[in-house]
């Protein structure tokens, strides 16, 4: 799947946000966003786009295909291994 398609997938974006930008980190996003003249929401959305471009969007999609749900933070190491083919489902 192309990155632009992944970026439009709101369910994927929500899952990635839950892992990488949980509520406990929102204040940090506001601080970092102000440093680059963005709101916290703009900053988080840009970060999610960057994560998708790095290949993590595909990792999340593969995990969902294999397990029926997107990975939680505790699943990320397993998701990365599965994506690299190091572990069979």
Protein backbone atom coordinates (compact mmCIF):
# COMPACT_ATOMS: atom_id res chain seq x y z
CA UNK A 1 0.00 0.00 0.00
CA UNK A 2 1.31 3.45 -0.89
CA UNK A 3 2.25 5.84 1.91
CA UNK A 4 -0.26 8.44 0.70
CA UNK A 5 -3.05 5.88 1.03
CA UNK A 6 -1.81 4.94 4.49
CA UNK A 7 -1.74 8.59 5.53
CA UNK A 8 -5.45 8.88 4.67
CA UNK A 9 -6.39 5.84 6.79
CA UNK A 10 -7.87 7.44 9.90
CA UNK A 11 -8.08 4.15 11.79
CA UNK A 12 -4.36 3.55 11.20
CA UNK A 13 -3.54 7.13 12.25
CA UNK A 14 -5.54 6.69 15.46
CA UNK A 15 -3.73 3.45 16.27
CA UNK A 16 -0.33 5.02 15.65
CA UNK A 17 -1.28 8.03 17.73
CA UNK A 18 -2.29 5.75 20.60
CA UNK A 19 1.13 4.07 20.55
CA UNK A 20 3.40 7.04 19.85
CA UNK A 21 1.40 10.01 21.21
CA UNK A 22 -0.67 8.81 24.18
CA UNK A 23 -2.47 11.36 26.34
CA UNK A 24 0.47 11.43 28.74
CA UNK A 25 2.66 12.96 26.02
CA UNK A 26 0.29 15.67 24.75
CA UNK A 27 1.92 18.44 26.79
CA UNK A 28 5.27 17.56 25.23
CA UNK A 29 3.75 17.77 21.76
CA UNK A 30 2.56 21.29 22.58
CA UNK A 31 6.04 22.36 23.65
CA UNK A 32 7.71 20.82 20.60
CA UNK A 33 5.02 22.18 18.32
CA UNK A 34 5.53 25.74 19.56
CA UNK A 35 9.24 25.42 18.79
CA UNK A 36 8.40 24.89 15.12
CA UNK A 37 5.36 27.19 14.99
CA UNK A 38 2.75 24.41 15.01
CA UNK A 39 -0.08 23.51 17.29
CA UNK A 40 0.24 20.27 19.24
CA UNK A 41 -2.23 18.62 16.85
CA UNK A 42 -0.31 19.77 13.75
CA UNK A 43 2.92 18.53 15.29
CA UNK A 44 1.46 15.11 16.11
CA UNK A 45 -0.05 14.75 12.62
CA UNK A 46 3.30 15.63 11.04
CA UNK A 47 5.03 13.10 13.28
CA UNK A 48 2.52 10.40 12.29
CA UNK A 49 3.13 11.19 8.61
CA UNK A 50 6.87 10.79 9.25
CA UNK A 51 6.30 7.47 11.02
CA UNK A 52 4.25 6.23 8.05
CA UNK A 53 6.98 7.38 5.65
CA UNK A 54 9.56 5.50 7.73
CA UNK A 55 7.72 2.23 7.06
CA UNK A 56 5.90 1.89 10.37
CA UNK A 57 2.52 2.30 8.70
CA UNK A 58 3.18 -0.90 6.80
CA UNK A 59 4.29 -2.62 10.04
CA UNK A 60 0.97 -1.67 11.67
CA UNK A 61 -0.99 -2.93 8.63
CA UNK A 62 0.85 -6.28 8.55
CA UNK A 63 0.26 -6.78 12.27
CA UNK A 64 -3.43 -6.03 11.80
CA UNK A 65 -3.65 -8.53 8.96
CA UNK A 66 -1.98 -11.20 11.11
CA UNK A 67 -3.82 -10.51 14.37
CA UNK A 68 -7.07 -8.71 13.56
CA UNK A 69 -6.11 -5.53 15.40
CA UNK A 70 -3.45 -2.86 15.32
CA UNK A 71 -0.51 -3.28 17.69
CA UNK A 72 -0.46 -1.66 21.10
CA UNK A 73 2.79 -0.32 22.50
CA UNK A 74 3.47 -3.69 24.15
CA UNK A 75 3.14 -5.39 20.72
CA UNK A 76 5.59 -3.21 18.81
CA UNK A 77 8.68 -5.39 19.13
CA UNK A 78 6.67 -8.41 17.95
CA UNK A 79 5.14 -6.37 15.11
CA UNK A 80 8.58 -5.30 13.88
CA UNK A 81 9.90 -8.88 14.04
CA UNK A 82 6.90 -10.19 12.12
CA UNK A 83 7.31 -7.52 9.49
CA UNK A 84 10.96 -8.48 9.01
CA UNK A 85 9.96 -12.13 8.77
CA UNK A 86 11.88 -13.13 11.89
CA UNK A 87 8.83 -14.68 13.50
CA UNK A 88 6.09 -16.70 11.91
CA UNK A 89 2.50 -16.13 12.99
